[in-house]
């Protein structure tokens, strides 16, 4: 249904005695919208009497003059920043956030290089696995050295390597035992032959 069709239907429903709210519910719009459709001159008058933009401009001007403390860097804080608990301007907060991210990134790189599992790292920061994965992705995008790990992590890789080494040691021991047995049999055969 087009806007013009809705307006025509709204006029018919109002003539039947329905309220603006009821007409709005039936057309899927607000009662105020219906009132503006049916009384465009009143809508213009309401818009002309709306003092909100002027009031907001006066409020900002007053806050700029009276209520905006200075940051340590000398810049004025944003309007209402002190009410939100900020004690620095926006630029200083961004710089502090970037510094904190860099420090945390270096910590994560060190833990990653030390072989800590994702579960250990996320427990340290109180993060979920998904949040840590997102942080690792962002740090990699920023150039931090976080090589991808095989499925199962480093501990699984180390365990598999240890098992492989142990299997090789057993094979070498078996070969040595076989050589010793062969040697013992050869010596026994020599002794029997004498």
N, C-alpha and C. Protein backbone atom coordinates (compact mmCIF):
# COMPACT_ATOMS: atom_id res chain seq x y z
N UNK A 1 0.84 -1.17 0.00
CA UNK A 1 0.00 0.00 0.00
C UNK A 1 0.90 1.24 0.00
N UNK A 2 0.64 2.15 -0.91
CA UNK A 2 1.45 3.36 -1.02
C UNK A 2 1.05 4.35 0.08
N UNK A 3 1.86 5.39 0.22
CA UNK A 3 1.59 6.41 1.23
C UNK A 3 0.25 7.10 0.96
N UNK A 4 0.00 7.43 -0.29
CA UNK A 4 -1.26 8.11 -0.64
C UNK A 4 -2.47 7.22 -0.33
N UNK A 5 -2.33 5.92 -0.60
CA UNK A 5 -3.44 5.00 -0.29
C UNK A 5 -3.66 4.93 1.22
N UNK A 6 -2.56 4.94 1.99
CA UNK A 6 -2.69 4.91 3.45
C UNK A 6 -3.37 6.18 3.96
N UNK A 7 -3.02 7.31 3.37
CA UNK A 7 -3.63 8.58 3.80
C UNK A 7 -5.13 8.57 3.50
N UNK A 8 -5.51 8.07 2.30
CA UNK A 8 -6.93 8.00 1.94
C UNK A 8 -7.68 7.08 2.90
N UNK A 9 -7.07 5.95 3.22
CA UNK A 9 -7.72 5.01 4.13
C UNK A 9 -7.81 5.62 5.53
N UNK A 10 -6.78 6.36 5.94
CA UNK A 10 -6.80 7.02 7.25
C UNK A 10 -7.95 8.02 7.33
N UNK A 11 -8.18 8.78 6.25
CA UNK A 11 -9.28 9.75 6.23
C UNK A 11 -10.62 9.04 6.41
N UNK A 12 -10.81 7.91 5.68
CA UNK A 12 -12.06 7.15 5.78
C UNK A 12 -12.26 6.63 7.20
N UNK A 13 -11.19 6.09 7.80
CA UNK A 13 -11.31 5.53 9.15
C UNK A 13 -11.60 6.63 10.17
N UNK A 14 -10.99 7.81 10.00
CA UNK A 14 -11.26 8.93 10.93
C UNK A 14 -12.71 9.39 10.80
N UNK A 15 -13.25 9.37 9.57
CA UNK A 15 -14.64 9.76 9.37
C UNK A 15 -15.59 8.79 10.06
N UNK A 16 -15.13 7.52 10.20
CA UNK A 16 -15.95 6.53 10.90
C UNK A 16 -15.88 6.71 12.41
N UNK A 17 -15.03 7.62 12.87
CA UNK A 17 -14.97 7.92 14.30
C UNK A 17 -13.83 7.25 15.05
N UNK A 18 -12.89 6.62 14.34
CA UNK A 18 -11.76 5.97 15.03
C UNK A 18 -10.74 7.02 15.47
N UNK A 19 -10.06 6.75 16.56
CA UNK A 19 -9.04 7.68 17.06
C UNK A 19 -7.79 7.60 16.18
N UNK A 20 -6.91 8.60 16.33
CA UNK A 20 -5.66 8.59 15.58
C UNK A 20 -4.83 7.34 15.90
N UNK A 21 -4.83 6.96 17.17
CA UNK A 21 -4.07 5.78 17.60
C UNK A 21 -4.61 4.50 16.96
N UNK A 22 -5.94 4.37 16.94
CA UNK A 22 -6.56 3.18 16.36
C UNK A 22 -6.31 3.11 14.86
N UNK A 23 -6.41 4.25 14.19
CA UNK A 23 -6.14 4.30 12.75
C UNK A 23 -4.68 3.91 12.50
N UNK A 24 -3.80 4.45 13.31
CA UNK A 24 -2.37 4.13 13.18
C UNK A 24 -2.09 2.65 13.35
N UNK A 25 -2.73 2.03 14.36
CA UNK A 25 -2.54 0.59 14.58
C UNK A 25 -2.99 -0.22 13.36
N UNK A 26 -4.10 0.17 12.77
CA UNK A 26 -4.61 -0.56 11.60
C UNK A 26 -3.71 -0.38 10.38
N UNK A 27 -3.05 0.78 10.27
CA UNK A 27 -2.20 1.05 9.11
C UNK A 27 -0.72 0.73 9.37
N UNK A 28 -0.40 0.38 10.60
CA UNK A 28 0.99 0.04 10.92
C UNK A 28 1.88 1.25 11.10
N UNK A 29 1.31 2.38 11.53
CA UNK A 29 2.09 3.59 11.81
C UNK A 29 1.64 4.12 13.17
N UNK A 30 2.29 5.19 13.61
CA UNK A 30 1.91 5.78 14.90
C UNK A 30 0.72 6.71 14.72
N UNK A 31 0.05 7.00 15.86
CA UNK A 31 -1.06 7.94 15.83
C UNK A 31 -0.60 9.34 15.46
N UNK A 32 0.60 9.71 15.89
CA UNK A 32 1.15 11.01 15.53
C UNK A 32 1.38 11.14 14.04
N UNK A 33 1.80 10.05 13.41
CA UNK A 33 2.01 10.06 11.96
C UNK A 33 0.67 10.29 11.24
N UNK A 34 -0.37 9.61 11.70
CA UNK A 34 -1.70 9.78 11.10
C UNK A 34 -2.16 11.23 11.27
N UNK A 35 -1.90 11.80 12.44
CA UNK A 35 -2.31 13.17 12.70
C UNK A 35 -1.56 14.14 11.77
N UNK A 36 -0.30 13.88 11.51
CA UNK A 36 0.46 14.74 10.58
C UNK A 36 -0.05 14.60 9.16
N UNK A 37 -0.46 13.37 8.78
CA UNK A 37 -1.00 13.18 7.43
C UNK A 37 -2.28 13.96 7.25
N UNK A 38 -3.15 13.90 8.25
CA UNK A 38 -4.48 14.48 8.13
C UNK A 38 -4.52 15.97 8.49
N UNK A 39 -3.53 16.46 9.19
CA UNK A 39 -3.46 17.88 9.56
C UNK A 39 -2.08 18.43 9.21
N UNK A 40 -1.73 18.56 7.92
CA UNK A 40 -0.39 19.01 7.54
C UNK A 40 -0.07 20.42 8.04
N UNK A 41 -1.10 21.30 8.12
CA UNK A 41 -0.83 22.66 8.61
C UNK A 41 -0.43 22.64 10.08
N UNK A 42 -1.03 21.73 10.86
CA UNK A 42 -0.67 21.61 12.28
C UNK A 42 0.75 21.06 12.42
N UNK A 43 1.11 20.13 11.53
CA UNK A 43 2.47 19.56 11.58
C UNK A 43 3.51 20.63 11.33
N UNK A 44 3.22 21.55 10.39
CA UNK A 44 4.15 22.65 10.11
C UNK A 44 4.27 23.57 11.32
N UNK A 45 3.14 23.83 11.96
CA UNK A 45 3.13 24.68 13.14
C UNK A 45 3.93 24.04 14.28
N UNK A 46 3.76 22.71 14.45
CA UNK A 46 4.51 22.00 15.51
C UNK A 46 6.00 22.07 15.24
N UNK A 47 6.37 21.89 13.96
CA UNK A 47 7.79 21.94 13.62
C UNK A 47 8.37 23.32 13.87
N UNK A 48 7.58 24.36 13.57
CA UNK A 48 8.06 25.74 13.78
C UNK A 48 8.21 26.03 15.27
N UNK A 49 7.38 25.43 16.10
CA UNK A 49 7.43 25.67 17.55
C UNK A 49 8.45 24.79 18.26
N UNK A 50 9.01 23.84 17.56
CA UNK A 50 9.98 22.93 18.19
C UNK A 50 11.26 23.69 18.51
N UNK A 51 11.58 23.77 19.76
CA UNK A 51 12.75 24.52 20.19
C UNK A 51 13.94 23.60 20.52
N UNK A 52 13.81 22.34 20.24
CA UNK A 52 14.87 21.39 20.61
C UNK A 52 16.22 21.75 20.01
N UNK A 53 16.34 22.03 18.70
CA UNK A 53 17.67 22.36 18.17
C UNK A 53 18.27 23.60 18.83
N UNK A 54 17.44 24.63 19.05
CA UNK A 54 17.94 25.84 19.70
C UNK A 54 18.38 25.56 21.13
N UNK A 55 17.57 24.79 21.84
CA UNK A 55 17.89 24.46 23.23
C UNK A 55 19.19 23.67 23.30
N UNK A 56 19.35 22.71 22.39
CA UNK A 56 20.59 21.93 22.38
C UNK A 56 21.80 22.81 22.08
N UNK A 57 21.64 23.75 21.14
CA UNK A 57 22.75 24.65 20.80
C UNK A 57 23.12 25.53 21.99
N UNK A 58 22.10 26.07 22.69
CA UNK A 58 22.38 26.88 23.87
C UNK A 58 23.08 26.06 24.96
N UNK A 59 22.61 24.83 25.14
CA UNK A 59 23.20 23.97 26.17
C UNK A 59 24.67 23.68 25.85
N UNK A 60 24.98 23.36 24.60
CA UNK A 60 26.36 23.09 24.21
C UNK A 60 27.23 24.33 24.39
N UNK A 61 26.69 25.49 24.01
CA UNK A 61 27.47 26.72 24.16
C UNK A 61 27.77 26.97 25.63
N UNK A 62 26.80 26.79 26.50
CA UNK A 62 27.02 27.01 27.93
C UNK A 62 28.06 26.01 28.45
N UNK A 63 27.92 24.71 28.07
CA UNK A 63 28.87 23.71 28.54
C UNK A 63 30.27 23.98 28.02
N UNK A 64 30.38 24.48 26.78
CA UNK A 64 31.70 24.82 26.25
C UNK A 64 32.35 25.92 27.07
N UNK A 65 31.54 26.87 27.54
CA UNK A 65 32.08 27.98 28.30
C UNK A 65 32.32 27.64 29.77
N UNK A 66 31.48 26.81 30.37
CA UNK A 66 31.51 26.64 31.81
C UNK A 66 31.88 25.25 32.32
N UNK A 67 31.50 24.22 31.61
CA UNK A 67 31.46 22.90 32.24
C UNK A 67 32.40 21.89 31.60
N UNK A 68 33.42 22.32 30.87
CA UNK A 68 34.29 21.36 30.22
C UNK A 68 35.70 21.47 30.78
N UNK A 69 36.05 20.57 31.68
CA UNK A 69 37.38 20.65 32.29
C UNK A 69 38.47 20.34 31.28
N UNK A 70 39.68 20.73 31.63
CA UNK A 70 40.83 20.46 30.77
C UNK A 70 41.43 19.10 31.09
N UNK A 71 41.93 18.48 30.06
CA UNK A 71 42.67 17.22 30.21
C UNK A 71 44.10 17.57 30.62
N UNK A 72 44.87 16.58 31.04
CA UNK A 72 46.27 16.81 31.41
C UNK A 72 47.08 17.32 30.22
N UNK A 73 46.67 16.97 28.99
CA UNK A 73 47.40 17.41 27.81
C UNK A 73 47.07 18.85 27.43
N UNK A 74 46.03 19.44 28.05
CA UNK A 74 45.66 20.81 27.76
C UNK A 74 44.42 20.94 26.90
N UNK A 75 43.97 19.87 26.28
CA UNK A 75 42.75 19.91 25.48
C UNK A 75 41.53 19.89 26.39
N UNK A 76 40.44 20.46 25.88
CA UNK A 76 39.18 20.37 26.63
C UNK A 76 38.57 18.99 26.42
N UNK A 77 37.97 18.46 27.48
CA UNK A 77 37.29 17.18 27.36
C UNK A 77 35.98 17.38 26.62
N UNK A 78 35.44 16.26 26.11
CA UNK A 78 34.17 16.33 25.40
C UNK A 78 33.05 16.77 26.32
N UNK A 79 31.96 17.23 25.72
CA UNK A 79 30.81 17.69 26.49
C UNK A 79 30.29 16.52 27.32
N UNK A 80 30.19 16.74 28.62
CA UNK A 80 29.67 15.71 29.51
C UNK A 80 30.63 14.58 29.82
N UNK A 81 31.87 14.69 29.38
CA UNK A 81 32.83 13.60 29.59
C UNK A 81 33.07 13.36 31.08
N UNK A 82 33.14 14.43 31.86
CA UNK A 82 33.40 14.28 33.28
C UNK A 82 32.24 13.58 33.98
N UNK A 83 31.03 13.73 33.44
CA UNK A 83 29.88 13.04 34.03
C UNK A 83 29.93 11.54 33.76
N UNK A 84 30.60 11.16 32.68
CA UNK A 84 30.71 9.74 32.34
C UNK A 84 31.88 9.09 33.07
N UNK A 85 32.61 9.85 33.85
CA UNK A 85 33.72 9.29 34.61
C UNK A 85 35.04 9.36 33.88
N UNK A 86 35.10 10.07 32.75
CA UNK A 86 36.36 10.21 32.03
C UNK A 86 37.19 11.32 32.65
N UNK A 87 38.49 11.12 32.73
CA UNK A 87 39.37 12.15 33.25
C UNK A 87 40.41 12.55 32.23
N UNK A 88 40.20 12.08 30.99
CA UNK A 88 41.10 12.43 29.88
C UNK A 88 40.25 12.78 28.67
N UNK A 89 40.86 13.52 27.75
CA UNK A 89 40.16 13.84 26.52
C UNK A 89 40.13 12.60 25.62
N UNK A 90 39.38 12.69 24.55
CA UNK A 90 39.20 11.55 23.65
C UNK A 90 40.53 11.08 23.06
N UNK A 91 41.38 12.03 22.65
CA UNK A 91 42.67 11.66 22.05
C UNK A 91 43.56 10.93 23.06
N UNK A 92 43.58 11.42 24.30
CA UNK A 92 44.39 10.77 25.34
C UNK A 92 43.85 9.37 25.66
N UNK A 93 42.51 9.22 25.68
CA UNK A 93 41.93 7.90 25.93
C UNK A 93 42.29 6.94 24.82
N UNK A 94 42.24 7.41 23.56
CA UNK A 94 42.61 6.54 22.43
C UNK A 94 44.07 6.13 22.52
N UNK A 95 44.95 7.07 22.87
CA UNK A 95 46.38 6.76 22.99
C UNK A 95 46.61 5.74 24.11
N UNK A 96 45.91 5.91 25.24
CA UNK A 96 46.05 4.97 26.36
C UNK A 96 45.54 3.59 25.96
N UNK A 97 44.42 3.54 25.23
CA UNK A 97 43.88 2.25 24.77
C UNK A 97 44.85 1.57 23.82
N UNK A 98 45.47 2.33 22.92
CA UNK A 98 46.44 1.75 21.98
C UNK A 98 47.65 1.22 22.72
N UNK A 99 48.10 1.96 23.74
CA UNK A 99 49.26 1.51 24.53
C UNK A 99 48.92 0.23 25.30
N UNK A 100 47.72 0.20 25.90
CA UNK A 100 47.30 -0.99 26.64
C UNK A 100 47.19 -2.20 25.71
N UNK A 101 46.68 -1.98 24.50
CA UNK A 101 46.57 -3.06 23.52
C UNK A 101 47.95 -3.58 23.13
N UNK A 102 48.91 -2.66 22.94
CA UNK A 102 50.26 -3.08 22.57
C UNK A 102 50.91 -3.89 23.69
N UNK A 103 50.73 -3.45 24.93
CA UNK A 103 51.30 -4.19 26.07
C UNK A 103 50.67 -5.58 26.16
N UNK A 104 49.36 -5.63 26.06
CA UNK A 104 48.67 -6.92 26.13
C UNK A 104 49.10 -7.81 24.95
N UNK A 105 49.28 -7.21 23.77
CA UNK A 105 49.72 -7.97 22.61
C UNK A 105 51.09 -8.59 22.84
N UNK A 106 52.02 -7.82 23.43
CA UNK A 106 53.35 -8.37 23.71
C UNK A 106 53.27 -9.50 24.75
N UNK A 107 52.38 -9.34 25.74
CA UNK A 107 52.20 -10.40 26.74
C UNK A 107 51.67 -11.67 26.08
N UNK A 108 50.68 -11.52 25.21
CA UNK A 108 50.09 -12.69 24.54
C UNK A 108 51.13 -13.36 23.65
N UNK A 109 51.93 -12.56 22.94
CA UNK A 109 52.99 -13.14 22.09
C UNK A 109 53.97 -13.93 22.95
N UNK A 110 54.35 -13.40 24.10
CA UNK A 110 55.29 -14.10 24.98
C UNK A 110 54.69 -15.41 25.50
N UNK A 111 53.40 -15.37 25.89
CA UNK A 111 52.75 -16.59 26.37
C UNK A 111 52.62 -17.61 25.24
N UNK A 112 52.30 -17.11 24.04
CA UNK A 112 52.14 -17.99 22.88
C UNK A 112 53.46 -18.66 22.55
N UNK A 113 54.55 -17.87 22.58
CA UNK A 113 55.87 -18.42 22.27
C UNK A 113 56.33 -19.41 23.34
N UNK A 114 55.89 -19.19 24.59
CA UNK A 114 56.26 -20.10 25.68
C UNK A 114 55.49 -21.41 25.61
N UNK A 115 54.51 -21.49 24.71
CA UNK A 115 53.78 -22.74 24.51
C UNK A 115 52.53 -22.86 25.36
N UNK A 116 52.08 -21.75 25.94
CA UNK A 116 50.84 -21.82 26.72
C UNK A 116 49.67 -22.12 25.79
N UNK A 117 48.73 -22.88 26.29
CA UNK A 117 47.56 -23.22 25.48
C UNK A 117 46.59 -22.04 25.47
N UNK A 118 45.66 -22.09 24.54
CA UNK A 118 44.64 -21.04 24.48
C UNK A 118 43.84 -21.02 25.77
N UNK A 119 43.57 -22.19 26.32
CA UNK A 119 42.79 -22.26 27.55
C UNK A 119 43.52 -21.56 28.70
N UNK A 120 44.84 -21.72 28.79
CA UNK A 120 45.61 -21.06 29.84
C UNK A 120 45.62 -19.54 29.65
N UNK A 121 45.77 -19.11 28.40
CA UNK A 121 45.80 -17.67 28.13
C UNK A 121 44.44 -17.05 28.43
N UNK A 122 43.37 -17.71 28.00
CA UNK A 122 42.04 -17.14 28.23
C UNK A 122 41.70 -17.15 29.71
N UNK A 123 42.20 -18.12 30.48
CA UNK A 123 41.96 -18.13 31.92
C UNK A 123 42.68 -16.96 32.59
N UNK A 124 43.86 -16.63 32.08
CA UNK A 124 44.63 -15.52 32.65
C UNK A 124 43.90 -14.19 32.50
N UNK A 125 43.26 -13.98 31.36
CA UNK A 125 42.57 -12.72 31.10
C UNK A 125 41.08 -12.78 31.41
N UNK A 126 40.55 -13.96 31.69
CA UNK A 126 39.12 -14.09 31.95
C UNK A 126 38.28 -13.96 30.69
N UNK A 127 38.83 -14.38 29.55
CA UNK A 127 38.15 -14.27 28.27
C UNK A 127 37.54 -15.61 27.88
N UNK A 128 36.64 -15.57 26.91
CA UNK A 128 36.13 -16.80 26.32
C UNK A 128 37.08 -17.23 25.21
N UNK A 129 36.91 -18.46 24.74
CA UNK A 129 37.76 -18.95 23.66
C UNK A 129 37.58 -18.13 22.39
N UNK A 130 36.33 -17.77 22.10
CA UNK A 130 36.04 -16.97 20.91
C UNK A 130 36.67 -15.58 20.99
N UNK A 131 36.63 -14.97 22.18
CA UNK A 131 37.22 -13.64 22.33
C UNK A 131 38.73 -13.71 22.14
N UNK A 132 39.37 -14.74 22.70
CA UNK A 132 40.82 -14.88 22.53
C UNK A 132 41.15 -15.12 21.06
N UNK A 133 40.38 -15.94 20.38
CA UNK A 133 40.63 -16.18 18.95
C UNK A 133 40.51 -14.89 18.16
N UNK A 134 39.54 -14.06 18.52
CA UNK A 134 39.37 -12.77 17.85
C UNK A 134 40.57 -11.86 18.13
N UNK A 135 41.04 -11.85 19.38
CA UNK A 135 42.20 -11.03 19.73
C UNK A 135 43.45 -11.50 18.98
N UNK A 136 43.64 -12.81 18.88
CA UNK A 136 44.79 -13.35 18.15
C UNK A 136 44.73 -12.92 16.68
N UNK A 137 43.53 -12.98 16.10
CA UNK A 137 43.36 -12.57 14.71
C UNK A 137 43.71 -11.09 14.53
N UNK A 138 43.23 -10.25 15.45
CA UNK A 138 43.51 -8.81 15.36
C UNK A 138 45.00 -8.53 15.55
N UNK A 139 45.62 -9.24 16.49
CA UNK A 139 47.06 -9.02 16.73
C UNK A 139 47.87 -9.45 15.51
N UNK A 140 47.48 -10.56 14.88
CA UNK A 140 48.18 -11.00 13.67
C UNK A 140 48.04 -9.94 12.57
N UNK A 141 46.83 -9.35 12.47
CA UNK A 141 46.59 -8.32 11.45
C UNK A 141 47.43 -7.08 11.72
N UNK A 142 47.75 -6.82 13.00
CA UNK A 142 48.58 -5.66 13.35
C UNK A 142 50.06 -5.96 13.23
N UNK A 143 50.42 -7.20 12.87
CA UNK A 143 51.81 -7.53 12.64
C UNK A 143 52.51 -8.25 13.78
N UNK A 144 51.79 -8.65 14.82
CA UNK A 144 52.41 -9.38 15.91
C UNK A 144 52.76 -10.79 15.43
N UNK A 145 53.86 -11.34 15.96
CA UNK A 145 54.34 -12.65 15.55
C UNK A 145 53.61 -13.74 16.34
N UNK A 146 52.53 -14.23 15.78
CA UNK A 146 51.73 -15.28 16.40
C UNK A 146 51.50 -16.37 15.36
N UNK A 147 52.47 -17.29 15.20
CA UNK A 147 52.30 -18.33 14.18
C UNK A 147 51.11 -19.23 14.50
N UNK A 148 50.46 -19.69 13.45
CA UNK A 148 49.33 -20.60 13.64
C UNK A 148 49.85 -21.92 14.20
N UNK A 149 49.05 -22.53 15.02
CA UNK A 149 49.41 -23.81 15.62
C UNK A 149 48.63 -24.93 14.95
N UNK A 150 49.19 -26.13 15.02
CA UNK A 150 48.44 -27.27 14.46
C UNK A 150 47.21 -27.56 15.31
N UNK A 151 46.22 -28.25 14.73
CA UNK A 151 45.05 -28.61 15.52
C UNK A 151 45.47 -29.39 16.75
N UNK A 152 44.96 -29.04 17.89
CA UNK A 152 45.33 -29.71 19.13
C UNK A 152 46.37 -28.93 19.91
N UNK A 153 47.01 -27.95 19.30
CA UNK A 153 47.95 -27.11 20.01
C UNK A 153 49.34 -27.70 20.11
N UNK A 154 50.23 -26.93 20.75
CA UNK A 154 51.63 -27.34 20.88
C UNK A 154 51.79 -28.56 21.77
N UNK A 155 51.00 -28.64 22.82
CA UNK A 155 51.17 -29.79 23.74
C UNK A 155 50.89 -31.10 23.03
N UNK A 156 49.86 -31.12 22.18
CA UNK A 156 49.57 -32.32 21.41
C UNK A 156 50.72 -32.62 20.45
N UNK A 157 51.24 -31.56 19.82
CA UNK A 157 52.37 -31.75 18.90
C UNK A 157 53.59 -32.28 19.66
N UNK A 158 53.86 -31.72 20.85
CA UNK A 158 54.99 -32.20 21.65
C UNK A 158 54.77 -33.65 22.10
N UNK A 159 53.53 -33.97 22.48
CA UNK A 159 53.23 -35.33 22.90
C UNK A 159 53.41 -36.31 21.74
N UNK A 160 52.96 -35.90 20.54
CA UNK A 160 53.13 -36.76 19.38
C UNK A 160 54.61 -36.94 19.04
N UNK A 161 55.38 -35.84 19.16
CA UNK A 161 56.81 -35.93 18.89
C UNK A 161 57.49 -36.84 19.92
N UNK A 162 57.10 -36.70 21.19
CA UNK A 162 57.68 -37.56 22.24
C UNK A 162 57.34 -39.02 21.99
N UNK A 163 56.09 -39.29 21.58
CA UNK A 163 55.69 -40.66 21.29
C UNK A 163 56.49 -41.20 20.10
N UNK A 164 56.69 -40.37 19.09
CA UNK A 164 57.46 -40.78 17.92
C UNK A 164 58.91 -41.09 18.32
N UNK A 165 59.49 -40.22 19.15
CA UNK A 165 60.87 -40.47 19.62
C UNK A 165 60.94 -41.75 20.44
N UNK A 166 59.94 -41.96 21.28
CA UNK A 166 59.91 -43.16 22.11
C UNK A 166 59.80 -44.41 21.23
N UNK A 167 58.96 -44.34 20.19
CA UNK A 167 58.82 -45.48 19.28
C UNK A 167 60.14 -45.76 18.56
N UNK A 168 60.85 -44.71 18.15
CA UNK A 168 62.15 -44.90 17.49
C UNK A 168 63.15 -45.52 18.45
N UNK A 169 63.15 -45.07 19.71
CA UNK A 169 64.06 -45.65 20.72
C UNK A 169 63.77 -47.15 20.90
N UNK A 170 62.48 -47.51 20.95
CA UNK A 170 62.12 -48.92 21.11
C UNK A 170 62.58 -49.73 19.90
N UNK A 171 62.43 -49.16 18.71
CA UNK A 171 62.89 -49.86 17.51
C UNK A 171 64.40 -50.07 17.54
N UNK A 172 65.14 -49.04 17.96
CA UNK A 172 66.60 -49.18 18.05
C UNK A 172 66.99 -50.21 19.10
N UNK A 173 66.27 -50.21 20.24
CA UNK A 173 66.55 -51.22 21.27
C UNK A 173 66.26 -52.62 20.74
N UNK A 174 65.16 -52.77 20.01
CA UNK A 174 64.82 -54.08 19.45
C UNK A 174 65.90 -54.54 18.47
N UNK A 175 66.38 -53.59 17.64
CA UNK A 175 67.45 -53.95 16.70
C UNK A 175 68.72 -54.37 17.44
N UNK A 176 69.06 -53.64 18.51
CA UNK A 176 70.25 -54.00 19.29
C UNK A 176 70.08 -55.36 19.95
N UNK A 177 68.87 -55.60 20.51
CA UNK A 177 68.61 -56.90 21.12
C UNK A 177 68.75 -58.01 20.09
N UNK A 178 68.25 -57.80 18.91
CA UNK A 178 68.34 -58.79 17.84
C UNK A 178 69.79 -59.03 17.46
N UNK A 179 70.58 -57.97 17.35
CA UNK A 179 72.01 -58.12 17.04
C UNK A 179 72.73 -58.88 18.15
N UNK A 180 72.40 -58.55 19.40
CA UNK A 180 73.04 -59.25 20.53
C UNK A 180 72.66 -60.73 20.51
N UNK A 181 71.39 -61.03 20.23
CA UNK A 181 70.96 -62.44 20.16
C UNK A 181 71.67 -63.17 19.03
N UNK A 182 71.73 -62.50 17.86
CA UNK A 182 72.43 -63.12 16.73
C UNK A 182 73.90 -63.35 17.07
N UNK A 183 74.50 -62.37 17.73
CA UNK A 183 75.91 -62.50 18.12
C UNK A 183 76.08 -63.64 19.12
N UNK A 184 75.15 -63.70 20.10
CA UNK A 184 75.24 -64.75 21.12
C UNK A 184 75.06 -66.13 20.46
N UNK A 185 74.14 -66.23 19.50
CA UNK A 185 73.95 -67.52 18.81
C UNK A 185 75.20 -67.89 18.02
N UNK A 186 75.80 -66.90 17.37
CA UNK A 186 77.01 -67.18 16.59
C UNK A 186 78.13 -67.64 17.51
N UNK A 187 78.27 -66.97 18.66
CA UNK A 187 79.33 -67.37 19.60
C UNK A 187 79.03 -68.75 20.15
N UNK A 188 77.75 -69.01 20.45
CA UNK A 188 77.36 -70.35 20.95
C UNK A 188 77.64 -71.42 19.91
N UNK A 189 77.37 -71.15 18.66
CA UNK A 189 77.63 -72.13 17.58
C UNK A 189 79.12 -72.38 17.44
N UNK A 190 79.92 -71.34 17.58
CA UNK A 190 81.37 -71.47 17.49
C UNK A 190 81.87 -72.35 18.62
N UNK A 191 81.35 -72.11 19.84
CA UNK A 191 81.78 -72.87 20.99
C UNK A 191 81.38 -74.33 20.87
N UNK A 192 80.20 -74.61 20.30
CA UNK A 192 79.76 -75.99 20.12
C UNK A 192 80.63 -76.69 19.07
N UNK A 193 81.02 -75.86 18.09
CA UNK A 193 81.85 -76.44 17.03
C UNK A 193 83.26 -76.75 17.51
N UNK A 194 83.73 -76.16 18.54
CA UNK A 194 85.08 -76.42 19.03
C UNK A 194 85.06 -77.65 19.79
